[in-house]
Amino acid sequence: MTRALVKPGIHVSLALLLAALCSGCAGRSSYAKRQFVLEVTRPAQPARQSRDAVLVVRGFSIDRLYDGRGLKYRKGESEYEADFYNEFVLAPQVLLGSQTRNWLSRSGMFRTVLEPGSLVEPTHILEGNVLVLHGDFRDRNLPQAVMQIRFFLIAIQSSPPQIVLTRDYQAAHEAQAPTADALVAAFDRCLEQILSALEEDLGKVL
């Protein structure tokens, strides 16, 4: 009977290879995706006197640069990076539209605030276009969240419908650290600032 001869060095090489593969598997498992939401709370203030206006907040659009759920980081003047492992739980424009709808429904400024597709006839339509949504990490010692949204308020009961408000709202807030958690917390502060300014302007035009 012929027996295959295996040199001792081959056993060592196979052991090292298996150890490396196992180490790689463990490394990948430690990089599980993390998901975040955007969440703001309107300050507890007495509600405004209810009006006859009925608002529908349409689904927001977003600049193609920021499309996708992964967080976006600005690393240089023309250098941007998408984070594969840290992302929003839903598309960011969906989260921003939902938070805007909730904020305005609690303002007391409208008789009701509708979801898109409602059968109730609105008097006004609010549209939003997300222009900027990134973490500015060009200076690692001063990371910032930057957000810019363009809003349109359309009165549809007039003939023809008229745009009664159009404005870009921009906010930037320092993140406590150059991390995803700190960046999302700073995004929340940006959104709170933007929605506060939007509510003030809507009160003027209505």
N, C-alpha and C. Protein backbone atom coordinates (compact mmCIF):
# COMPACT_ATOMS: atom_id res chain seq x y z
N MET A 1 0.87 -1.19 0.00
CA MET A 1 0.00 0.00 0.00
C MET A 1 0.89 1.23 0.00
N THR A 2 0.50 2.19 -0.84
CA THR A 2 1.29 3.42 -0.93
C THR A 2 0.67 4.49 -0.05
N ARG A 3 1.43 5.11 0.75
CA ARG A 3 0.92 6.18 1.64
C ARG A 3 1.45 7.51 1.15
N ALA A 4 0.51 8.50 1.13
CA ALA A 4 0.92 9.85 0.72
C ALA A 4 1.72 10.48 1.84
N LEU A 5 2.81 11.11 1.46
CA LEU A 5 3.65 11.77 2.44
C LEU A 5 3.32 13.26 2.49
N VAL A 6 3.03 13.78 3.65
CA VAL A 6 2.70 15.21 3.84
C VAL A 6 3.76 15.81 4.72
N LYS A 7 4.41 16.79 4.22
CA LYS A 7 5.46 17.43 5.00
C LYS A 7 4.88 18.18 6.18
N PRO A 8 5.58 18.22 7.31
CA PRO A 8 5.08 18.93 8.51
C PRO A 8 4.79 20.40 8.23
N GLY A 9 5.55 21.03 7.37
CA GLY A 9 5.33 22.44 7.10
C GLY A 9 3.98 22.75 6.49
N ILE A 10 3.44 21.75 5.75
CA ILE A 10 2.13 21.96 5.12
C ILE A 10 1.05 22.06 6.18
N HIS A 11 1.16 21.23 7.23
CA HIS A 11 0.17 21.30 8.33
C HIS A 11 0.18 22.69 8.96
N VAL A 12 1.36 23.25 9.15
CA VAL A 12 1.46 24.58 9.73
C VAL A 12 0.83 25.62 8.83
N SER A 13 1.06 25.50 7.52
CA SER A 13 0.51 26.47 6.57
C SER A 13 -1.01 26.40 6.56
N LEU A 14 -1.57 25.20 6.58
CA LEU A 14 -3.02 25.06 6.58
C LEU A 14 -3.62 25.64 7.85
N ALA A 15 -2.96 25.43 8.97
CA ALA A 15 -3.47 25.96 10.24
C ALA A 15 -3.49 27.48 10.22
N LEU A 16 -2.43 28.07 9.68
CA LEU A 16 -2.37 29.53 9.60
C LEU A 16 -3.45 30.07 8.67
N LEU A 17 -3.69 29.35 7.55
CA LEU A 17 -4.71 29.79 6.60
C LEU A 17 -6.09 29.76 7.23
N LEU A 18 -6.41 28.67 7.94
CA LEU A 18 -7.71 28.58 8.61
C LEU A 18 -7.89 29.66 9.66
N ALA A 19 -6.81 29.93 10.41
CA ALA A 19 -6.88 30.98 11.43
C ALA A 19 -7.15 32.32 10.79
N ALA A 20 -6.51 32.58 9.65
CA ALA A 20 -6.72 33.86 8.96
C ALA A 20 -8.13 33.99 8.46
N LEU A 21 -8.69 32.88 7.91
CA LEU A 21 -10.06 32.93 7.42
C LEU A 21 -11.05 33.17 8.54
N CYS A 22 -10.85 32.50 9.66
CA CYS A 22 -11.74 32.71 10.81
C CYS A 22 -11.64 34.12 11.33
N SER A 23 -10.42 34.64 11.35
CA SER A 23 -10.23 36.02 11.80
C SER A 23 -10.96 36.98 10.89
N GLY A 24 -10.92 36.72 9.57
CA GLY A 24 -11.62 37.59 8.62
C GLY A 24 -13.11 37.55 8.82
N CYS A 25 -13.65 36.35 9.10
CA CYS A 25 -15.09 36.24 9.34
C CYS A 25 -15.50 37.03 10.56
N ALA A 26 -14.71 36.94 11.61
CA ALA A 26 -15.02 37.68 12.85
C ALA A 26 -14.95 39.17 12.60
N GLY A 27 -13.98 39.61 11.78
CA GLY A 27 -13.85 41.03 11.50
C GLY A 27 -15.04 41.57 10.76
N ARG A 28 -15.53 40.79 9.76
CA ARG A 28 -16.68 41.26 9.00
C ARG A 28 -17.93 41.34 9.85
N SER A 29 -18.10 40.40 10.78
CA SER A 29 -19.30 40.41 11.61
C SER A 29 -19.32 41.61 12.55
N SER A 30 -18.15 42.15 12.86
CA SER A 30 -18.12 43.31 13.76
C SER A 30 -18.49 44.60 13.04
N TYR A 31 -18.62 44.54 11.70
CA TYR A 31 -18.98 45.72 10.93
C TYR A 31 -20.43 45.63 10.45
N ALA A 32 -21.33 45.18 11.31
CA ALA A 32 -22.74 45.10 10.96
C ALA A 32 -23.29 46.51 10.71
N LYS A 33 -24.25 46.59 9.81
CA LYS A 33 -24.83 47.88 9.48
C LYS A 33 -25.59 48.45 10.68
N ARG A 34 -25.55 49.76 10.82
CA ARG A 34 -26.31 50.46 11.85
C ARG A 34 -27.27 51.41 11.15
N GLN A 35 -28.48 51.52 11.68
CA GLN A 35 -29.53 52.33 11.05
C GLN A 35 -30.00 53.42 12.00
N PHE A 36 -30.27 54.59 11.43
CA PHE A 36 -30.63 55.76 12.22
C PHE A 36 -31.92 56.38 11.69
N VAL A 37 -32.59 57.11 12.58
CA VAL A 37 -33.77 57.89 12.21
C VAL A 37 -33.50 59.36 12.50
N LEU A 38 -34.27 60.21 11.87
CA LEU A 38 -34.27 61.63 12.20
C LEU A 38 -35.52 61.90 13.04
N GLU A 39 -35.35 62.61 14.13
CA GLU A 39 -36.47 62.81 15.04
C GLU A 39 -36.34 64.16 15.74
N VAL A 40 -37.37 64.98 15.60
CA VAL A 40 -37.41 66.27 16.29
C VAL A 40 -38.74 66.39 17.03
N THR A 41 -38.74 67.19 18.07
CA THR A 41 -39.95 67.43 18.86
C THR A 41 -40.23 68.91 18.88
N ARG A 42 -41.40 69.29 18.46
CA ARG A 42 -41.78 70.71 18.48
C ARG A 42 -41.87 71.18 19.93
N PRO A 43 -41.29 72.35 20.25
CA PRO A 43 -41.36 72.86 21.62
C PRO A 43 -42.80 72.94 22.12
N ALA A 44 -42.98 72.63 23.39
CA ALA A 44 -44.33 72.66 23.97
C ALA A 44 -44.78 74.10 24.13
N GLN A 45 -45.57 74.57 23.20
CA GLN A 45 -46.11 75.93 23.24
C GLN A 45 -47.61 75.84 23.03
N PRO A 46 -48.36 76.82 23.52
CA PRO A 46 -49.79 76.83 23.24
C PRO A 46 -50.04 76.81 21.73
N ALA A 47 -50.96 75.95 21.30
CA ALA A 47 -51.25 75.85 19.88
C ALA A 47 -51.82 77.17 19.37
N ARG A 48 -51.50 77.48 18.13
CA ARG A 48 -52.08 78.66 17.50
C ARG A 48 -53.58 78.42 17.30
N GLN A 49 -54.29 79.52 17.09
CA GLN A 49 -55.72 79.38 16.82
C GLN A 49 -55.91 78.61 15.53
N SER A 50 -56.78 77.62 15.55
CA SER A 50 -56.98 76.77 14.38
C SER A 50 -57.52 77.60 13.22
N ARG A 51 -57.01 77.34 12.03
CA ARG A 51 -57.44 78.05 10.84
C ARG A 51 -58.27 77.10 9.98
N ASP A 52 -58.78 77.65 8.87
CA ASP A 52 -59.55 76.83 7.95
C ASP A 52 -58.67 76.13 6.94
N ALA A 53 -57.39 76.46 6.93
CA ALA A 53 -56.49 75.88 5.94
C ALA A 53 -56.28 74.39 6.19
N VAL A 54 -56.27 73.63 5.11
CA VAL A 54 -56.00 72.19 5.16
C VAL A 54 -54.76 71.94 4.31
N LEU A 55 -53.74 71.38 4.92
CA LEU A 55 -52.45 71.23 4.26
C LEU A 55 -52.16 69.76 3.95
N VAL A 56 -51.64 69.52 2.76
CA VAL A 56 -51.09 68.22 2.44
C VAL A 56 -49.60 68.40 2.20
N VAL A 57 -48.79 67.57 2.85
CA VAL A 57 -47.34 67.60 2.69
C VAL A 57 -46.96 66.47 1.73
N ARG A 58 -46.56 66.86 0.55
CA ARG A 58 -46.19 65.87 -0.45
C ARG A 58 -44.85 65.22 -0.10
N GLY A 59 -44.59 64.08 -0.73
CA GLY A 59 -43.31 63.42 -0.54
C GLY A 59 -42.18 64.31 -1.02
N PHE A 60 -41.12 64.38 -0.23
CA PHE A 60 -39.99 65.24 -0.57
C PHE A 60 -39.16 64.61 -1.68
N SER A 61 -38.51 65.47 -2.45
CA SER A 61 -37.50 65.02 -3.40
C SER A 61 -36.12 65.33 -2.81
N ILE A 62 -35.07 64.80 -3.42
CA ILE A 62 -33.73 65.00 -2.90
C ILE A 62 -32.74 65.09 -4.05
N ASP A 63 -31.72 65.92 -3.87
CA ASP A 63 -30.67 66.03 -4.86
C ASP A 63 -30.00 64.65 -5.04
N ARG A 64 -29.65 64.33 -6.27
CA ARG A 64 -29.11 63.00 -6.56
C ARG A 64 -27.82 62.71 -5.80
N LEU A 65 -27.08 63.75 -5.46
CA LEU A 65 -25.84 63.55 -4.71
C LEU A 65 -26.11 62.89 -3.36
N TYR A 66 -27.29 63.14 -2.78
CA TYR A 66 -27.60 62.65 -1.44
C TYR A 66 -28.64 61.53 -1.47
N ASP A 67 -28.97 61.06 -2.64
CA ASP A 67 -29.92 59.97 -2.75
C ASP A 67 -29.30 58.69 -2.19
N GLY A 68 -30.13 57.85 -1.60
CA GLY A 68 -29.62 56.63 -0.97
C GLY A 68 -29.60 56.79 0.54
N ARG A 69 -29.65 55.66 1.24
CA ARG A 69 -29.79 55.71 2.70
C ARG A 69 -28.47 55.90 3.45
N GLY A 70 -27.35 55.60 2.82
CA GLY A 70 -26.07 55.74 3.50
C GLY A 70 -25.76 57.18 3.85
N LEU A 71 -25.19 57.42 5.05
CA LEU A 71 -24.78 58.77 5.43
C LEU A 71 -23.71 59.26 4.46
N LYS A 72 -23.73 60.56 4.20
CA LYS A 72 -22.77 61.15 3.26
C LYS A 72 -21.83 62.08 4.02
N TYR A 73 -20.54 61.97 3.69
CA TYR A 73 -19.51 62.78 4.33
C TYR A 73 -18.78 63.59 3.27
N ARG A 74 -18.56 64.85 3.59
CA ARG A 74 -17.74 65.69 2.72
C ARG A 74 -16.32 65.69 3.28
N LYS A 75 -15.38 65.19 2.48
CA LYS A 75 -14.00 65.05 2.93
C LYS A 75 -13.08 66.13 2.35
N GLY A 76 -13.49 66.75 1.25
CA GLY A 76 -12.69 67.79 0.61
C GLY A 76 -13.59 68.68 -0.20
N GLU A 77 -13.00 69.64 -0.90
CA GLU A 77 -13.79 70.60 -1.67
C GLU A 77 -14.68 69.88 -2.69
N SER A 78 -14.16 68.83 -3.30
CA SER A 78 -14.92 68.08 -4.30
C SER A 78 -14.95 66.59 -3.98
N GLU A 79 -14.66 66.23 -2.74
CA GLU A 79 -14.59 64.81 -2.35
C GLU A 79 -15.71 64.48 -1.37
N TYR A 80 -16.56 63.53 -1.76
CA TYR A 80 -17.65 63.06 -0.91
C TYR A 80 -17.54 61.55 -0.77
N GLU A 81 -18.03 61.05 0.36
CA GLU A 81 -17.96 59.63 0.64
C GLU A 81 -19.29 59.15 1.20
N ALA A 82 -19.78 58.02 0.69
CA ALA A 82 -21.00 57.41 1.21
C ALA A 82 -20.62 56.32 2.20
N ASP A 83 -21.30 56.27 3.33
CA ASP A 83 -21.02 55.30 4.39
C ASP A 83 -21.88 54.06 4.16
N PHE A 84 -21.23 52.94 3.92
CA PHE A 84 -21.96 51.70 3.66
C PHE A 84 -22.51 51.09 4.94
N TYR A 85 -21.87 51.32 6.07
CA TYR A 85 -22.23 50.65 7.32
C TYR A 85 -23.14 51.47 8.22
N ASN A 86 -23.25 52.77 7.97
CA ASN A 86 -24.14 53.64 8.76
C ASN A 86 -25.12 54.29 7.81
N GLU A 87 -26.40 54.03 8.03
CA GLU A 87 -27.41 54.50 7.08
C GLU A 87 -28.70 54.88 7.81
N PHE A 88 -29.55 55.63 7.09
CA PHE A 88 -30.89 55.93 7.59
C PHE A 88 -31.76 54.69 7.42
N VAL A 89 -32.71 54.51 8.33
CA VAL A 89 -33.57 53.34 8.27
C VAL A 89 -34.48 53.40 7.04
N LEU A 90 -34.82 54.60 6.60
CA LEU A 90 -35.57 54.83 5.37
C LEU A 90 -34.82 55.88 4.55
N ALA A 91 -35.24 56.09 3.33
CA ALA A 91 -34.63 57.15 2.53
C ALA A 91 -34.74 58.47 3.29
N PRO A 92 -33.69 59.28 3.30
CA PRO A 92 -33.71 60.50 4.13
C PRO A 92 -34.83 61.45 3.78
N GLN A 93 -35.20 61.53 2.49
CA GLN A 93 -36.29 62.44 2.12
C GLN A 93 -37.63 61.99 2.71
N VAL A 94 -37.78 60.68 2.91
CA VAL A 94 -39.00 60.17 3.55
C VAL A 94 -39.02 60.56 5.02
N LEU A 95 -37.90 60.41 5.71
CA LEU A 95 -37.82 60.79 7.12
C LEU A 95 -38.05 62.28 7.30
N LEU A 96 -37.45 63.10 6.44
CA LEU A 96 -37.61 64.56 6.56
C LEU A 96 -39.04 64.98 6.28
N GLY A 97 -39.68 64.37 5.29
CA GLY A 97 -41.08 64.69 5.01
C GLY A 97 -41.99 64.31 6.16
N SER A 98 -41.75 63.15 6.76
CA SER A 98 -42.57 62.70 7.88
C SER A 98 -42.42 63.61 9.09
N GLN A 99 -41.18 64.02 9.40
CA GLN A 99 -40.96 64.91 10.53
C GLN A 99 -41.57 66.29 10.29
N THR A 100 -41.52 66.76 9.05
CA THR A 100 -42.15 68.05 8.73
C THR A 100 -43.66 67.97 8.91
N ARG A 101 -44.25 66.87 8.46
CA ARG A 101 -45.70 66.68 8.59
C ARG A 101 -46.09 66.64 10.06
N ASN A 102 -45.35 65.92 10.88
CA ASN A 102 -45.67 65.83 12.31
C ASN A 102 -45.52 67.18 13.00
N TRP A 103 -44.47 67.91 12.65
CA TRP A 103 -44.22 69.22 13.27
C TRP A 103 -45.38 70.18 12.99
N LEU A 104 -45.78 70.26 11.72
CA LEU A 104 -46.83 71.21 11.35
C LEU A 104 -48.20 70.78 11.87
N SER A 105 -48.43 69.49 12.00
CA SER A 105 -49.71 69.03 12.55
C SER A 105 -49.85 69.42 14.01
N ARG A 106 -48.72 69.60 14.72
CA ARG A 106 -48.76 69.99 16.13
C ARG A 106 -48.72 71.51 16.30
N SER A 107 -48.57 72.24 15.23
CA SER A 107 -48.46 73.70 15.34
C SER A 107 -49.81 74.36 15.57
N GLY A 108 -50.92 73.69 15.22
CA GLY A 108 -52.23 74.30 15.33
C GLY A 108 -52.49 75.31 14.24
N MET A 109 -51.58 75.44 13.29
CA MET A 109 -51.70 76.43 12.24
C MET A 109 -52.73 76.03 11.18
N PHE A 110 -52.97 74.73 11.06
CA PHE A 110 -53.89 74.22 10.05
C PHE A 110 -55.02 73.44 10.71
N ARG A 111 -56.15 73.42 10.03
CA ARG A 111 -57.25 72.63 10.55
C ARG A 111 -56.86 71.15 10.60
N THR A 112 -56.13 70.71 9.59
CA THR A 112 -55.58 69.37 9.60
C THR A 112 -54.41 69.32 8.62
N VAL A 113 -53.51 68.39 8.85
CA VAL A 113 -52.37 68.18 7.96
C VAL A 113 -52.49 66.75 7.44
N LEU A 114 -52.55 66.61 6.13
CA LEU A 114 -52.87 65.35 5.50
C LEU A 114 -51.63 64.60 5.02
N GLU A 115 -51.79 63.29 4.94
CA GLU A 115 -50.79 62.44 4.29
C GLU A 115 -51.01 62.51 2.77
N PRO A 116 -49.97 62.28 1.98
CA PRO A 116 -50.16 62.20 0.53
C PRO A 116 -51.15 61.09 0.18
N GLY A 117 -52.02 61.35 -0.78
CA GLY A 117 -53.00 60.35 -1.20
C GLY A 117 -54.31 60.42 -0.44
N SER A 118 -54.43 61.36 0.52
CA SER A 118 -55.68 61.50 1.25
C SER A 118 -56.81 61.95 0.31
N LEU A 119 -58.02 61.48 0.59
CA LEU A 119 -59.18 61.86 -0.22
C LEU A 119 -59.75 63.20 0.20
N VAL A 120 -59.28 63.76 1.30
CA VAL A 120 -59.76 65.08 1.74
C VAL A 120 -59.16 66.15 0.84
N GLU A 121 -59.96 67.12 0.45
CA GLU A 121 -59.50 68.18 -0.44
C GLU A 121 -58.71 69.22 0.35
N PRO A 122 -57.44 69.42 0.03
CA PRO A 122 -56.64 70.41 0.76
C PRO A 122 -56.83 71.81 0.19
N THR A 123 -56.45 72.79 0.98
CA THR A 123 -56.41 74.17 0.49
C THR A 123 -54.99 74.57 0.10
N HIS A 124 -54.00 73.89 0.69
CA HIS A 124 -52.60 74.21 0.43
C HIS A 124 -51.78 72.93 0.29
N ILE A 125 -50.73 73.03 -0.50
CA ILE A 125 -49.78 71.93 -0.69
C ILE A 125 -48.39 72.43 -0.31
N LEU A 126 -47.67 71.62 0.47
CA LEU A 126 -46.28 71.94 0.80
C LEU A 126 -45.37 70.91 0.13
N GLU A 127 -44.41 71.42 -0.61
CA GLU A 127 -43.43 70.56 -1.26
C GLU A 127 -42.05 70.88 -0.71
N GLY A 128 -41.20 69.87 -0.62
CA GLY A 128 -39.85 70.07 -0.12
C GLY A 128 -38.83 69.40 -1.02
N ASN A 129 -37.73 70.07 -1.23
CA ASN A 129 -36.62 69.52 -2.02
C ASN A 129 -35.36 69.60 -1.17
N VAL A 130 -34.80 68.44 -0.81
CA VAL A 130 -33.60 68.39 0.02
C VAL A 130 -32.40 68.67 -0.89
N LEU A 131 -31.73 69.78 -0.63
CA LEU A 131 -30.61 70.21 -1.46
C LEU A 131 -29.26 69.77 -0.90
N VAL A 132 -29.13 69.76 0.43
CA VAL A 132 -27.86 69.41 1.08
C VAL A 132 -28.17 68.57 2.31
N LEU A 133 -27.41 67.50 2.50
CA LEU A 133 -27.57 66.67 3.69
C LEU A 133 -26.29 65.85 3.86
N HIS A 134 -25.31 66.43 4.53
CA HIS A 134 -24.05 65.70 4.70
C HIS A 134 -23.34 66.14 5.98
N GLY A 135 -22.40 65.31 6.37
CA GLY A 135 -21.49 65.68 7.43
C GLY A 135 -20.26 66.31 6.82
N ASP A 136 -19.92 67.51 7.26
CA ASP A 136 -18.75 68.21 6.74
C ASP A 136 -17.56 67.85 7.61
N PHE A 137 -16.73 66.95 7.12
CA PHE A 137 -15.57 66.46 7.87
C PHE A 137 -14.26 66.95 7.28
N ARG A 138 -14.32 68.09 6.57
CA ARG A 138 -13.08 68.63 6.01
C ARG A 138 -12.12 69.02 7.12
N ASP A 139 -12.65 69.49 8.23
CA ASP A 139 -11.84 69.78 9.41
C ASP A 139 -12.23 68.76 10.47
N ARG A 140 -11.37 67.77 10.71
CA ARG A 140 -11.72 66.70 11.65
C ARG A 140 -11.89 67.21 13.07
N ASN A 141 -11.35 68.38 13.35
CA ASN A 141 -11.50 68.96 14.69
C ASN A 141 -12.79 69.76 14.83
N LEU A 142 -13.48 69.99 13.72
CA LEU A 142 -14.72 70.74 13.76
C LEU A 142 -15.74 70.10 12.80
N PRO A 143 -16.17 68.87 13.11
CA PRO A 143 -17.17 68.21 12.24
C PRO A 143 -18.52 68.89 12.36
N GLN A 144 -19.22 69.01 11.26
CA GLN A 144 -20.51 69.69 11.24
C GLN A 144 -21.53 68.91 10.44
N ALA A 145 -22.78 69.03 10.84
CA ALA A 145 -23.90 68.55 10.04
C ALA A 145 -24.45 69.73 9.26
N VAL A 146 -24.66 69.54 7.98
CA VAL A 146 -25.16 70.62 7.12
C VAL A 146 -26.43 70.12 6.43
N MET A 147 -27.48 70.94 6.48
CA MET A 147 -28.77 70.58 5.89
C MET A 147 -29.37 71.80 5.20
N GLN A 148 -29.91 71.59 4.01
CA GLN A 148 -30.59 72.67 3.29
C GLN A 148 -31.81 72.08 2.59
N ILE A 149 -32.95 72.71 2.81
CA ILE A 149 -34.21 72.26 2.21
C ILE A 149 -34.91 73.45 1.57
N ARG A 150 -35.39 73.26 0.36
CA ARG A 150 -36.19 74.30 -0.32
C ARG A 150 -37.66 73.91 -0.21
N PHE A 151 -38.46 74.84 0.33
CA PHE A 151 -39.89 74.60 0.50
C PHE A 151 -40.71 75.46 -0.45
N PHE A 152 -41.82 74.88 -0.91
CA PHE A 152 -42.81 75.60 -1.71
C PHE A 152 -44.17 75.41 -1.05
N LEU A 153 -44.88 76.51 -0.79
CA LEU A 153 -46.27 76.43 -0.32
C LEU A 153 -47.16 76.92 -1.45
N ILE A 154 -48.10 76.07 -1.85
CA ILE A 154 -48.95 76.37 -2.99
C ILE A 154 -50.39 76.45 -2.52
N ALA A 155 -51.07 77.57 -2.82
CA ALA A 155 -52.49 77.72 -2.53
C ALA A 155 -53.25 77.23 -3.76
N ILE A 156 -53.99 76.13 -3.60
CA ILE A 156 -54.61 75.51 -4.77
C ILE A 156 -56.07 75.90 -4.94
N GLN A 157 -56.64 76.67 -3.99
CA GLN A 157 -58.03 77.07 -4.14
C GLN A 157 -58.17 78.30 -5.03
N SER A 158 -57.05 79.01 -5.21
CA SER A 158 -57.08 80.14 -6.13
C SER A 158 -56.99 79.61 -7.56
N SER A 159 -57.41 80.41 -8.49
CA SER A 159 -57.39 79.99 -9.89
C SER A 159 -56.63 81.01 -10.73
N PRO A 160 -55.46 80.64 -11.25
CA PRO A 160 -54.82 79.34 -11.11
C PRO A 160 -54.14 79.21 -9.74
N PRO A 161 -53.71 78.00 -9.36
CA PRO A 161 -52.98 77.84 -8.09
C PRO A 161 -51.75 78.74 -8.05
N GLN A 162 -51.45 79.27 -6.86
CA GLN A 162 -50.35 80.21 -6.73
C GLN A 162 -49.35 79.74 -5.68
N ILE A 163 -48.07 79.96 -5.98
CA ILE A 163 -47.03 79.72 -4.99
C ILE A 163 -46.98 80.93 -4.06
N VAL A 164 -47.31 80.73 -2.79
CA VAL A 164 -47.37 81.84 -1.85
C VAL A 164 -46.12 81.92 -0.97
N LEU A 165 -45.29 80.87 -1.03
CA LEU A 165 -44.02 80.91 -0.29
C LEU A 165 -43.03 80.00 -0.99
N THR A 166 -41.85 80.50 -1.24
CA THR A 166 -40.73 79.68 -1.70
C THR A 166 -39.47 80.22 -1.05
N ARG A 167 -38.75 79.32 -0.39
CA ARG A 167 -37.55 79.77 0.32
C ARG A 167 -36.64 78.59 0.60
N ASP A 168 -35.34 78.85 0.56
CA ASP A 168 -34.34 77.86 0.97
C ASP A 168 -34.00 78.07 2.44
N TYR A 169 -34.02 77.00 3.20
CA TYR A 169 -33.67 77.05 4.62
C TYR A 169 -32.41 76.20 4.82
N GLN A 170 -31.41 76.81 5.42
CA GLN A 170 -30.14 76.11 5.62
C GLN A 170 -29.73 76.21 7.08
N ALA A 171 -29.16 75.13 7.59
CA ALA A 171 -28.68 75.11 8.98
C ALA A 171 -27.42 74.26 9.04
N ALA A 172 -26.52 74.62 9.94
CA ALA A 172 -25.30 73.86 10.19
C ALA A 172 -25.07 73.82 11.70
N HIS A 173 -24.82 72.63 12.22
CA HIS A 173 -24.57 72.47 13.66
C HIS A 173 -23.36 71.58 13.86
N GLU A 174 -22.57 71.92 14.86
CA GLU A 174 -21.38 71.14 15.15
C GLU A 174 -21.76 69.78 15.71
N ALA A 175 -21.08 68.75 15.23
CA ALA A 175 -21.23 67.41 15.79
C ALA A 175 -20.21 67.25 16.92
N GLN A 176 -20.61 66.57 17.96
CA GLN A 176 -19.73 66.42 19.12
C GLN A 176 -18.49 65.59 18.82
N ALA A 177 -18.56 64.78 17.76
CA ALA A 177 -17.42 63.95 17.36
C ALA A 177 -17.61 63.58 15.89
N PRO A 178 -16.55 63.19 15.20
CA PRO A 178 -16.67 62.79 13.80
C PRO A 178 -17.18 61.36 13.68
N THR A 179 -18.38 61.11 14.25
CA THR A 179 -18.97 59.77 14.23
C THR A 179 -20.38 59.85 13.69
N ALA A 180 -20.93 58.69 13.30
CA ALA A 180 -22.28 58.66 12.76
C ALA A 180 -23.31 59.08 13.81
N ASP A 181 -23.17 58.61 15.04
CA ASP A 181 -24.12 58.96 16.10
C ASP A 181 -24.18 60.46 16.33
N ALA A 182 -23.01 61.07 16.43
CA ALA A 182 -22.95 62.51 16.68
C ALA A 182 -23.47 63.29 15.48
N LEU A 183 -23.23 62.79 14.28
CA LEU A 183 -23.70 63.47 13.08
C LEU A 183 -25.22 63.47 13.00
N VAL A 184 -25.85 62.33 13.28
CA VAL A 184 -27.31 62.26 13.22
C VAL A 184 -27.94 63.16 14.29
N ALA A 185 -27.35 63.21 15.47
CA ALA A 185 -27.85 64.12 16.52
C ALA A 185 -27.77 65.57 16.05
N ALA A 186 -26.70 65.92 15.34
CA ALA A 186 -26.57 67.28 14.82
C ALA A 186 -27.56 67.52 13.69
N PHE A 187 -27.87 66.50 12.89
CA PHE A 187 -28.91 66.63 11.86
C PHE A 187 -30.25 66.98 12.50
N ASP A 188 -30.56 66.35 13.63
CA ASP A 188 -31.82 66.65 14.33
C ASP A 188 -31.89 68.12 14.72
N ARG A 189 -30.78 68.68 15.19
CA ARG A 189 -30.76 70.09 15.56
C ARG A 189 -30.92 70.99 14.33
N CYS A 190 -30.33 70.59 13.23
CA CYS A 190 -30.51 71.34 11.98
C CYS A 190 -31.98 71.36 11.57
N LEU A 191 -32.61 70.20 11.61
CA LEU A 191 -34.00 70.11 11.19
C LEU A 191 -34.91 70.91 12.11
N GLU A 192 -34.64 70.89 13.40
CA GLU A 192 -35.44 71.68 14.34
C GLU A 192 -35.34 73.17 14.02
N GLN A 193 -34.14 73.64 13.70
CA GLN A 193 -33.96 75.04 13.35
C GLN A 193 -34.71 75.39 12.07
N ILE A 194 -34.64 74.51 11.08
CA ILE A 194 -35.30 74.76 9.79
C ILE A 194 -36.82 74.77 9.95
N LEU A 195 -37.36 73.81 10.68
CA LEU A 195 -38.82 73.74 10.82
C LEU A 195 -39.35 74.89 11.67
N SER A 196 -38.59 75.36 12.63
CA SER A 196 -39.01 76.53 13.41
C SER A 196 -39.12 77.76 12.51
N ALA A 197 -38.13 77.94 11.63
CA ALA A 197 -38.15 79.08 10.70
C ALA A 197 -39.28 78.92 9.69
N LEU A 198 -39.50 77.70 9.21
CA LEU A 198 -40.60 77.46 8.26
C LEU A 198 -41.94 77.79 8.90
N GLU A 199 -42.16 77.33 10.12
CA GLU A 199 -43.43 77.59 10.80
C GLU A 199 -43.66 79.11 10.95
N GLU A 200 -42.63 79.83 11.29
CA GLU A 200 -42.76 81.28 11.44
C GLU A 200 -43.16 81.92 10.12
N ASP A 201 -42.54 81.49 9.03
CA ASP A 201 -42.86 82.08 7.72
C ASP A 201 -44.26 81.68 7.26
N LEU A 202 -44.66 80.47 7.55
CA LEU A 202 -46.02 80.05 7.16
C LEU A 202 -47.07 80.87 7.91
N GLY A 203 -46.80 81.18 9.16
CA GLY A 203 -47.72 82.01 9.92
C GLY A 203 -47.91 83.39 9.30
N LYS A 204 -46.88 83.89 8.65
CA LYS A 204 -46.96 85.22 8.02
C LYS A 204 -47.79 85.18 6.73
N VAL A 205 -47.58 84.16 5.92
CA VAL A 205 -48.26 84.14 4.63
C VAL A 205 -49.69 83.65 4.73
N LEU A 206 -50.03 82.94 5.83
CA LEU A 206 -51.39 82.45 5.99
C LEU A 206 -52.29 83.46 6.69
